[in-house]
C-alpha atoms as a PDB file:
ATOM      1  CA  MET A   1      27.870  -0.721   8.628  1.00  0.00           C
ATOM      2  CA  ILE A   2      25.783   0.366  11.635  1.00  0.00           C
ATOM      3  CA  GLY A   3      23.887   3.530  10.807  1.00  0.00           C
ATOM      4  CA  THR A   4      22.582   2.389   7.424  1.00  0.00           C
ATOM      5  CA  ILE A   5      19.367   0.802   6.209  1.00  0.00           C
ATOM      6  CA  GLU A   6      21.438  -2.102   4.904  1.00  0.00           C
ATOM      7  CA  SER A   7      22.751  -2.886   8.387  1.00  0.00           C
ATOM      8  CA  LEU A   8      19.203  -2.947   9.723  1.00  0.00           C
ATOM      9  CA  VAL A   9      18.109  -5.291   6.926  1.00  0.00           C
ATOM     10  CA  LEU A  10      20.941  -7.651   7.904  1.00  0.00           C
ATOM     11  CA  ALA A  11      20.035  -7.520  11.598  1.00  0.00           C
ATOM     12  CA  VAL A  12      16.320  -8.135  10.961  1.00  0.00           C
ATOM     13  CA  ALA A  13      17.141 -11.001   8.594  1.00  0.00           C
ATOM     14  CA  ALA A  14      19.401 -12.582  11.219  1.00  0.00           C
ATOM     15  CA  PHE A  15      16.800 -12.241  13.967  1.00  0.00           C
ATOM     16  CA  VAL A  16      13.804 -13.454  11.944  1.00  0.00           C
ATOM     17  CA  GLY A  17      15.615 -15.992   9.785  1.00  0.00           C
ATOM     18  CA  GLY A  18      17.547 -17.394  12.737  1.00  0.00           C
ATOM     19  CA  HIS A  19      14.327 -18.211  14.563  1.00  0.00           C
ATOM     20  CA  PHE A  20      12.994 -20.219  11.630  1.00  0.00           C
ATOM     21  CA  ILE A  21      16.308 -21.962  10.970  1.00  0.00           C
ATOM     22  CA  LEU A  22      17.006 -22.979  14.565  1.00  0.00           C
ATOM     23  CA  SER A  23      13.450 -24.183  15.132  1.00  0.00           C
ATOM     24  CA  SER A  24      13.248 -26.113  11.857  1.00  0.00           C
ATOM     25  CA  LEU A  25      13.000 -29.856  12.391  1.00  0.00           C
ATOM     26  CA  PRO A  26      16.304 -30.863  10.683  1.00  0.00           C
ATOM     27  CA  VAL A  27      18.382 -28.269  12.542  1.00  0.00           C
ATOM     28  CA  ARG A  28      16.629 -28.808  15.866  1.00  0.00           C
ATOM     29  CA  ARG A  29      16.993 -32.584  15.664  1.00  0.00           C
ATOM     30  CA  GLY A  30      20.635 -32.251  14.690  1.00  0.00           C
ATOM     31  CA  LEU A  31      21.390 -29.995  17.646  1.00  0.00           C
ATOM     32  CA  LEU A  32      19.497 -32.247  20.051  1.00  0.00           C
ATOM     33  CA  GLU A  33      21.822 -35.088  19.090  1.00  0.00           C
ATOM     34  CA  ILE A  34      24.709 -32.950  20.299  1.00  0.00           C
ATOM     35  CA  VAL A  35      23.174 -31.107  23.260  1.00  0.00           C
ATOM     36  CA  SER A  36      20.255 -31.774  25.601  1.00  0.00           C
ATOM     37  CA  GLU A  37      16.820 -30.180  25.343  1.00  0.00           C
ATOM     38  CA  ASN A  38      17.868 -27.591  27.906  1.00  0.00           C
ATOM     39  CA  GLY A  39      21.084 -27.013  25.973  1.00  0.00           C
ATOM     40  CA  PHE A  40      19.127 -26.368  22.798  1.00  0.00           C
ATOM     41  CA  ARG A  41      16.835 -23.923  24.576  1.00  0.00           C
ATOM     42  CA  GLY A  42      19.911 -22.156  25.930  1.00  0.00           C
ATOM     43  CA  ILE A  43      21.432 -21.812  22.451  1.00  0.00           C
ATOM     44  CA  TYR A  44      18.105 -20.653  21.040  1.00  0.00           C
ATOM     45  CA  SER A  45      17.624 -18.060  23.789  1.00  0.00           C
ATOM     46  CA  LEU A  46      21.181 -16.744  23.486  1.00  0.00           C
ATOM     47  CA  PHE A  47      20.836 -16.339  19.730  1.00  0.00           C
ATOM     48  CA  ALA A  48      17.405 -14.696  20.032  1.00  0.00           C
ATOM     49  CA  ILE A  49      18.560 -12.197  22.664  1.00  0.00           C
ATOM     50  CA  SER A  50      21.818 -11.295  20.913  1.00  0.00           C
ATOM     51  CA  THR A  51      20.208 -10.762  17.501  1.00  0.00           C
ATOM     52  CA  PHE A  52      17.321  -8.853  19.086  1.00  0.00           C
ATOM     53  CA  VAL A  53      19.762  -6.443  20.755  1.00  0.00           C
ATOM     54  CA  TRP A  54      21.654  -6.101  17.469  1.00  0.00           C
ATOM     55  CA  MET A  55      18.401  -5.370  15.636  1.00  0.00           C
ATOM     56  CA  LEU A  56      17.342  -2.709  18.145  1.00  0.00           C
ATOM     57  CA  TYR A  57      20.762  -1.059  18.001  1.00  0.00           C
ATOM     58  CA  ALA A  58      20.697  -1.046  14.192  1.00  0.00           C
ATOM     59  CA  TYR A  59      17.180   0.401  14.251  1.00  0.00           C
ATOM     60  CA  GLY A  60      18.180   3.188  16.599  1.00  0.00           C
ATOM     61  CA  ALA A  61      21.117   4.124  14.386  1.00  0.00           C
ATOM     62  CA  ALA A  62      19.294   3.827  11.051  1.00  0.00           C
ATOM     63  CA  PRO A  63      18.516   7.010   9.083  1.00  0.00           C
ATOM     64  CA  TYR A  64      14.941   8.280   8.911  1.00  0.00           C
ATOM     65  CA  VAL A  65      13.418   7.782   5.451  1.00  0.00           C
ATOM     66  CA  GLU A  66       9.725   8.670   5.353  1.00  0.00           C
ATOM     67  CA  LEU A  67       7.295   6.451   3.465  1.00  0.00           C
ATOM     68  CA  TRP A  68       4.034   8.157   4.468  1.00  0.00           C
ATOM     69  CA  PRO A  69       3.171  11.118   6.713  1.00  0.00           C
ATOM     70  CA  LEU A  70       1.758  10.654  10.184  1.00  0.00           C
ATOM     71  CA  THR A  71      -1.862  11.776   9.921  1.00  0.00           C
ATOM     72  CA  GLU A  72      -4.222  12.444  12.810  1.00  0.00           C
ATOM     73  CA  GLY A  73      -6.093   9.220  12.088  1.00  0.00           C
ATOM     74  CA  LEU A  74      -2.955   7.079  12.167  1.00  0.00           C
ATOM     75  CA  ARG A  75      -2.108   8.402  15.635  1.00  0.00           C
ATOM     76  CA  TYR A  76      -5.116   6.533  17.005  1.00  0.00           C
ATOM     77  CA  VAL A  77      -4.273   3.149  15.445  1.00  0.00           C
ATOM     78  CA  PRO A  78      -2.040   2.000  18.343  1.00  0.00           C
ATOM     79  CA  ILE A  79      -4.511   3.287  20.925  1.00  0.00           C
ATOM     80  CA  VAL A  80      -7.243   1.113  19.379  1.00  0.00           C
ATOM     81  CA  VAL A  81      -5.145  -1.945  18.470  1.00  0.00           C
ATOM     82  CA  LEU A  82      -2.722  -2.261  21.401  1.00  0.00           C
ATOM     83  CA  PRO A  83      -5.307  -3.171  24.074  1.00  0.00           C
ATOM     84  CA  PHE A  84      -5.960  -6.354  22.088  1.00  0.00           C
ATOM     85  CA  ALA A  85      -2.241  -6.901  21.565  1.00  0.00           C
ATOM     86  CA  CYS A  86      -1.595  -6.629  25.308  1.00  0.00           C
ATOM     87  CA  LEU A  87      -4.488  -8.938  26.137  1.00  0.00           C
ATOM     88  CA  PHE A  88      -3.307 -11.628  23.729  1.00  0.00           C
ATOM     89  CA  ALA A  89       0.317 -11.303  24.842  1.00  0.00           C
ATOM     90  CA  VAL A  90      -0.282 -11.302  28.604  1.00  0.00           C
ATOM     91  CA  ILE A  91      -2.944 -14.004  28.567  1.00  0.00           C
ATOM     92  CA  GLY A  92      -0.820 -16.019  26.142  1.00  0.00           C
ATOM     93  CA  VAL A  93       2.331 -16.046  28.275  1.00  0.00           C
ATOM     94  CA  THR A  94       0.381 -16.873  31.438  1.00  0.00           C
ATOM     95  CA  THR A  95      -1.576 -19.764  29.939  1.00  0.00           C
ATOM     96  CA  ARG A  96      -0.243 -23.172  28.951  1.00  0.00           C
ATOM     97  CA  THR A  97      -1.230 -24.030  25.381  1.00  0.00           C
ATOM     98  CA  ALA A  98      -0.473 -26.902  23.042  1.00  0.00           C
ATOM     99  CA  THR A  99       1.512 -24.549  20.794  1.00  0.00           C
ATOM    100  CA  GLY A 100       3.669 -23.093  23.566  1.00  0.00           C
ATOM    101  CA  VAL A 101       7.085 -24.266  24.736  1.00  0.00           C
ATOM    102  CA  GLY A 102       6.666 -27.801  26.055  1.00  0.00           C
ATOM    103  CA  GLY A 103       3.035 -27.752  24.963  1.00  0.00           C
ATOM    104  CA  GLU A 104       3.285 -31.273  23.558  1.00  0.00           C
ATOM    105  CA  LYS A 105       2.670 -32.563  27.086  1.00  0.00           C
ATOM    106  CA  LEU A 106      -0.820 -31.076  27.015  1.00  0.00           C
ATOM    107  CA  LEU A 107      -1.767 -33.364  24.141  1.00  0.00           C
ATOM    108  CA  ASP A 108      -1.966 -36.252  26.621  1.00  0.00           C
ATOM    109  CA  ASP A 109      -4.606 -34.334  28.582  1.00  0.00           C
ATOM    110  CA  PRO A 110      -8.226 -35.374  27.898  1.00  0.00           C
ATOM    111  CA  HIS A 111      -9.027 -31.650  27.490  1.00  0.00           C
ATOM    112  CA  PRO A 112      -5.958 -30.074  25.837  1.00  0.00           C
ATOM    113  CA  VAL A 113      -7.791 -26.932  24.678  1.00  0.00           C
ATOM    114  CA  ARG A 114      -8.614 -24.498  27.456  1.00  0.00           C
ATOM    115  CA  GLY A 115      -8.657 -20.797  28.195  1.00  0.00           C
ATOM    116  CA  ILE A 116      -7.360 -18.464  25.502  1.00  0.00           C
ATOM    117  CA  ALA A 117      -6.691 -21.443  23.187  1.00  0.00           C
ATOM    118  CA  THR A 118     -10.451 -21.601  22.579  1.00  0.00           C
ATOM    119  CA  ILE A 119     -10.112 -18.214  20.853  1.00  0.00           C
ATOM    120  CA  THR A 120      -6.770 -18.808  19.110  1.00  0.00           C
ATOM    121  CA  ARG A 121      -4.083 -21.409  19.550  1.00  0.00           C
ATOM    122  CA  HIS A 122      -1.406 -18.722  19.066  1.00  0.00           C
ATOM    123  CA  PRO A 123      -2.359 -15.931  21.501  1.00  0.00           C
ATOM    124  CA  PHE A 124       1.102 -14.537  22.240  1.00  0.00           C
ATOM    125  CA  LEU A 125       2.101 -14.427  18.578  1.00  0.00           C
ATOM    126  CA  TRP A 126      -1.093 -12.530  17.770  1.00  0.00           C
ATOM    127  CA  GLY A 127      -0.090 -10.035  20.439  1.00  0.00           C
ATOM    128  CA  VAL A 128       3.267  -9.547  18.715  1.00  0.00           C
ATOM    129  CA  ALA A 129       1.668  -9.294  15.264  1.00  0.00           C
ATOM    130  CA  LEU A 130      -0.888  -6.684  16.333  1.00  0.00           C
ATOM    131  CA  TRP A 131       1.796  -4.714  18.169  1.00  0.00           C
ATOM    132  CA  GLY A 132       3.973  -4.696  15.057  1.00  0.00           C
ATOM    133  CA  ILE A 133       1.141  -3.720  12.701  1.00  0.00           C
ATOM    134  CA  ALA A 134       0.096  -0.835  14.953  1.00  0.00           C
ATOM    135  CA  HIS A 135       3.642   0.523  15.081  1.00  0.00           C
ATOM    136  CA  ILE A 136       4.105   0.233  11.320  1.00  0.00           C
ATOM    137  CA  ALA A 137       0.997   2.338  10.780  1.00  0.00           C
ATOM    138  CA  THR A 138       1.954   5.070  13.199  1.00  0.00           C
ATOM    139  CA  ASN A 139       5.633   5.377  12.210  1.00  0.00           C
ATOM    140  CA  GLY A 140       5.619   5.334   8.412  1.00  0.00           C
ATOM    141  CA  ASP A 141       9.365   5.177   7.737  1.00  0.00           C
ATOM    142  CA  VAL A 142      11.641   2.566   6.166  1.00  0.00           C
ATOM    143  CA  ALA A 143      13.456   1.573   9.360  1.00  0.00           C
ATOM    144  CA  SER A 144      10.204   1.066  11.270  1.00  0.00           C
ATOM    145  CA  LEU A 145       8.721  -0.931   8.420  1.00  0.00           C
ATOM    146  CA  LEU A 146      11.751  -3.225   8.513  1.00  0.00           C
ATOM    147  CA  LEU A 147      11.832  -3.650  12.289  1.00  0.00           C
ATOM    148  CA  PHE A 148       8.143  -4.018  13.016  1.00  0.00           C
ATOM    149  CA  GLY A 149       7.465  -5.723   9.703  1.00  0.00           C
ATOM    150  CA  GLY A 150      10.088  -8.307  10.596  1.00  0.00           C
ATOM    151  CA  LEU A 151       8.322  -8.987  13.883  1.00  0.00           C
ATOM    152  CA  VAL A 152       4.985  -9.348  12.081  1.00  0.00           C
ATOM    153  CA  VAL A 153       6.533 -11.819   9.623  1.00  0.00           C
ATOM    154  CA  LEU A 154       8.080 -13.762  12.499  1.00  0.00           C
ATOM    155  CA  ALA A 155       4.782 -13.883  14.390  1.00  0.00           C
ATOM    156  CA  LEU A 156       2.530 -14.848  11.466  1.00  0.00           C
ATOM    157  CA  GLY A 157       5.083 -17.189   9.927  1.00  0.00           C
ATOM    158  CA  GLY A 158       5.745 -18.646  13.358  1.00  0.00           C
ATOM    159  CA  MET A 159       2.117 -19.701  13.667  1.00  0.00           C
ATOM    160  CA  MET A 160       2.308 -21.736  10.474  1.00  0.00           C
ATOM    161  CA  HIS A 161       5.741 -23.080  11.412  1.00  0.00           C
ATOM    162  CA  ILE A 162       4.585 -24.251  14.846  1.00  0.00           C
ATOM    163  CA  ASP A 163       1.485 -25.922  13.395  1.00  0.00           C
ATOM    164  CA  TYR A 164       3.661 -27.732  10.855  1.00  0.00           C
ATOM    165  CA  ARG A 165       6.092 -28.921  13.524  1.00  0.00           C
ATOM    166  CA  ARG A 166       3.271 -30.172  15.724  1.00  0.00           C
ATOM    167  CA  ARG A 167       1.732 -32.128  12.842  1.00  0.00           C
ATOM    168  CA  GLU A 168       5.089 -33.682  11.974  1.00  0.00           C
ATOM    169  CA  THR A 169       6.206 -34.533  15.506  1.00  0.00           C
ATOM    170  CA  VAL A 170       2.929 -35.392  17.235  1.00  0.00           C
ATOM    171  CA  GLY A 171       0.995 -36.959  14.372  1.00  0.00           C
ATOM    172  CA  SER A 172      -2.570 -37.986  15.172  1.00  0.00           C
ATOM    173  CA  GLY A 173      -2.291 -36.416  18.623  1.00  0.00           C
ATOM    174  CA  TRP A 174      -2.409 -33.023  16.972  1.00  0.00           C
ATOM    175  CA  GLY A 175      -5.744 -33.723  15.302  1.00  0.00           C
ATOM    176  CA  PRO A 176      -8.083 -32.921  18.224  1.00  0.00           C
ATOM    177  CA  VAL A 177      -6.318 -29.603  18.855  1.00  0.00           C
ATOM    178  CA  ALA A 178      -6.306 -28.607  15.181  1.00  0.00           C
ATOM    179  CA  LEU A 179      -9.990 -29.506  14.800  1.00  0.00           C
ATOM    180  CA  SER A 180     -11.181 -27.654  17.898  1.00  0.00           C
ATOM    181  CA  THR A 181      -9.047 -24.500  17.583  1.00  0.00           C
ATOM    182  CA  SER A 182      -8.066 -21.945  14.963  1.00  0.00           C
ATOM    183  CA  ALA A 183      -4.947 -19.938  14.285  1.00  0.00           C
ATOM    184  CA  ILE A 184      -7.029 -16.871  13.383  1.00  0.00           C
ATOM    185  CA  PRO A 185      -8.864 -15.578  16.476  1.00  0.00           C
ATOM    186  CA  PHE A 186     -12.540 -16.543  16.838  1.00  0.00           C
ATOM    187  CA  VAL A 187     -12.723 -18.550  13.581  1.00  0.00           C
ATOM    188  CA  ALA A 188     -13.217 -21.866  15.401  1.00  0.00           C
ATOM    189  CA  VAL A 189     -15.844 -20.211  17.619  1.00  0.00           C
ATOM    190  CA  ILE A 190     -17.727 -18.776  14.631  1.00  0.00           C
ATOM    191  CA  GLN A 191     -17.597 -22.150  12.877  1.00  0.00           C
ATOM    192  CA  GLY A 192     -18.954 -23.908  15.944  1.00  0.00           C
ATOM    193  CA  ARG A 193     -15.783 -25.948  16.524  1.00  0.00           C
ATOM    194  CA  SER A 194     -15.013 -24.253  19.825  1.00  0.00           C
ATOM    195  CA  LYS A 195     -16.761 -22.484  22.692  1.00  0.00           C
ATOM    196  CA  ILE A 196     -14.955 -19.677  24.498  1.00  0.00           C
ATOM    197  CA  ASP A 197     -13.676 -20.830  27.877  1.00  0.00           C
ATOM    198  CA  TRP A 198     -14.144 -17.591  29.820  1.00  0.00           C
ATOM    199  CA  ALA A 199     -13.414 -19.266  33.139  1.00  0.00           C
ATOM    200  CA  GLY A 200     -10.145 -20.656  31.796  1.00  0.00           C
ATOM    201  CA  ILE A 201      -9.131 -17.237  30.486  1.00  0.00           C
ATOM    202  CA  GLY A 202      -9.820 -15.680  33.858  1.00  0.00           C
ATOM    203  CA  LEU A 203     -10.678 -12.148  34.883  1.00  0.00           C
ATOM    204  CA  THR A 204      -7.259 -11.706  36.528  1.00  0.00           C
ATOM    205  CA  ARG A 205      -5.435 -12.249  33.232  1.00  0.00           C
ATOM    206  CA  VAL A 206      -7.745  -9.832  31.432  1.00  0.00           C
ATOM    207  CA  LEU A 207      -7.155  -7.141  34.046  1.00  0.00           C
ATOM    208  CA  ALA A 208      -3.394  -7.783  33.912  1.00  0.00           C
ATOM    209  CA  GLY A 209      -3.395  -7.342  30.130  1.00  0.00           C
ATOM    210  CA  LEU A 210      -5.313  -4.086  30.357  1.00  0.00           C
ATOM    211  CA  ALA A 211      -3.001  -2.890  33.144  1.00  0.00           C
ATOM    212  CA  VAL A 212       0.032  -3.498  30.929  1.00  0.00           C
ATOM    213  CA  TYR A 213      -1.638  -1.454  28.196  1.00  0.00           C
ATOM    214  CA  VAL A 214      -2.349   1.449  30.562  1.00  0.00           C
ATOM    215  CA  VAL A 215       1.216   1.411  31.913  1.00  0.00           C
ATOM    216  CA  PHE A 216       2.737   1.490  28.438  1.00  0.00           C
ATOM    217  CA  LEU A 217       0.299   4.179  27.367  1.00  0.00           C
ATOM    218  CA  ALA A 218       1.291   6.365  30.309  1.00  0.00           C
ATOM    219  CA  ALA A 219       5.020   5.625  30.246  1.00  0.00           C
ATOM    220  CA  HIS A 220       5.614   5.468  26.478  1.00  0.00           C
ATOM    221  CA  GLY A 221       6.954   9.007  26.311  1.00  0.00           C
ATOM    222  CA  SER A 222       9.385   8.453  29.172  1.00  0.00           C
ATOM    223  CA  LEU A 223      10.538   5.049  27.941  1.00  0.00           C
ATOM    224  CA  PHE A 224      10.813   5.701  24.209  1.00  0.00           C
ATOM    225  CA  GLY A 225      10.795   9.477  23.878  1.00  0.00           C
ATOM    226  CA  VAL A 226       7.519   9.531  21.943  1.00  0.00           C
ATOM    227  CA  PRO A 227       4.175  10.093  23.727  1.00  0.00           C
ATOM    228  CA  ALA A 228       1.542   7.469  22.908  1.00  0.00           C
ATOM    229  CA  LEU A 229      -1.393   9.843  23.248  1.00  0.00           C
ATOM    230  CA  PRO A 230      -1.966  12.357  20.407  1.00  0.00           C
END
């Protein structure tokens, strides 16, 4: 089936759906009764990597079916959006947050909300979502809509899924984090529930995020065969 839109749909469904199924409370609790926490993370990582490779392979082999033409304006969408995507992603993976892997331990801290979490409690997932949206806009074909759209669904749905799991597993301990942060960037700041912790974010992380953006911008043509600059 590889080489068809249908095969890509199946691969994207496996990758996105598998994440939600494995991380759902009933499935996760059932697996933890059989394997350890590290064992579960190993199974989760193996499944995520294998389905991600399958999805990329199916995307590369899928036929090109145009949905909208690439206009001059759309060429600039990634250039404008991806700096923010890189900042959220890099700062997110280098900062411990209550919504990250093992983040439950932070809830025992008197100050569980620091750094990028004062802007959004899901920084890395916002990086993925913005990256996906930018690539949907600039590609405009069915296969790209499926691949990048799947990643956007996983990122945005993952935010709600993580919040739900934290409420169910942590209970009242989740309250202070939920009240002083927001899933949507800057909403808690605008509402006066949070103040941006610039020191916790750190200039080094900001520079690292921008450096990643510049590297991808310069190397995009060599890595993916399509130049990022118009």
